[in-house]
Amino acid sequence: MSAKLVRPRNHRMIAGVCAGLAERFGMSRTTMRVIFLLSCLLPGPQFLLYIALWILLPSENSHQGHGGAAHSW
């Protein structure tokens, strides 16, 4: 579990939140997406949590540091 918690540029379905969480916890992206979809059947703030993580988690390209790399706008 040493991977940073970021939204990866590749393997995104919507915002990359599930892919980032799966990478961080060493799970399959598909497994994490299925867990999220199944959790939506339960009462709770799953969609709000997803949106909050979408806003709060940095994208992978903005997380790579300031080592002279130009930002791609």
Protein backbone atom coordinates (compact mmCIF):
# COMPACT_ATOMS: atom_id res chain seq x y z
CA MET A 1 0.00 0.00 0.00
CA SER A 2 2.75 2.44 -0.83
CA ALA A 3 1.13 3.94 -3.94
CA LYS A 4 -0.01 7.55 -3.69
CA LEU A 5 -3.72 8.25 -3.75
CA VAL A 6 -4.24 10.04 -7.06
CA ARG A 7 -6.66 9.79 -9.96
CA PRO A 8 -4.73 8.09 -12.77
CA ARG A 9 -4.74 9.49 -16.30
CA ASN A 10 -5.31 6.05 -17.80
CA HIS A 11 -8.03 3.52 -17.00
CA ARG A 12 -10.64 6.13 -16.06
CA MET A 13 -14.31 5.37 -16.52
CA ILE A 14 -15.73 8.66 -15.23
CA ALA A 15 -13.27 10.54 -13.04
CA GLY A 16 -10.73 7.90 -12.08
CA VAL A 17 -11.72 7.73 -8.42
CA CYS A 18 -12.31 3.97 -8.36
CA ALA A 19 -9.16 3.34 -10.39
CA GLY A 20 -7.13 5.47 -7.99
CA LEU A 21 -8.55 3.75 -4.92
CA ALA A 22 -7.93 0.33 -6.47
CA GLU A 23 -4.33 1.23 -7.26
CA ARG A 24 -3.77 2.56 -3.76
CA PHE A 25 -5.14 -0.53 -2.02
CA GLY A 26 -3.73 -3.10 -4.46
CA MET A 27 -7.06 -4.24 -5.87
CA SER A 28 -8.38 -4.78 -9.36
CA ARG A 29 -10.04 -1.70 -10.89
CA THR A 30 -13.03 -3.85 -11.86
CA THR A 31 -13.40 -5.16 -8.30
CA MET A 32 -13.36 -1.63 -6.90
CA ARG A 33 -15.98 -0.50 -9.43
CA VAL A 34 -18.23 -3.45 -8.59
CA ILE A 35 -17.87 -2.72 -4.87
CA PHE A 36 -18.85 0.90 -5.50
CA LEU A 37 -21.87 -0.09 -7.60
CA LEU A 38 -23.02 -2.61 -4.99
CA SER A 39 -22.57 -0.02 -2.24
CA CYS A 40 -24.95 2.25 -4.14
CA LEU A 41 -27.72 -0.23 -3.36
CA LEU A 42 -27.27 0.54 0.33
CA PRO A 43 -28.46 3.76 1.93
CA GLY A 44 -25.73 6.31 2.41
CA PRO A 45 -23.79 9.17 0.83
CA GLN A 46 -21.86 7.12 -1.76
CA PHE A 47 -22.42 9.56 -4.61
CA LEU A 48 -21.49 12.54 -2.46
CA LEU A 49 -18.32 10.76 -1.34
CA TYR A 50 -17.45 9.98 -4.98
CA ILE A 51 -17.93 13.63 -5.98
CA ALA A 52 -15.88 14.81 -2.98
CA LEU A 53 -13.02 12.46 -3.90
CA TRP A 54 -13.26 13.62 -7.52
CA ILE A 55 -12.72 17.18 -6.33
CA LEU A 56 -10.16 16.51 -3.61
CA LEU A 57 -7.90 13.87 -5.20
CA PRO A 58 -5.24 15.32 -7.46
CA SER A 59 -4.98 14.08 -11.00
CA GLU A 60 -1.91 11.96 -11.70
CA ASN A 61 -0.30 14.49 -14.06
CA SER A 62 -0.59 17.34 -11.52
CA HIS A 63 0.87 15.14 -8.79
CA GLN A 64 4.16 14.33 -10.56
CA GLY A 65 5.90 17.35 -9.16
CA HIS A 66 7.52 20.50 -10.43
CA GLY A 67 10.63 18.94 -11.97
CA GLY A 68 10.51 21.23 -14.96
CA ALA A 69 7.67 19.36 -16.62
CA ALA A 70 5.24 21.62 -18.42
CA HIS A 71 1.55 21.37 -17.61
CA SER A 72 -0.66 20.16 -20.42
CA TRP A 73 -3.70 22.39 -20.46
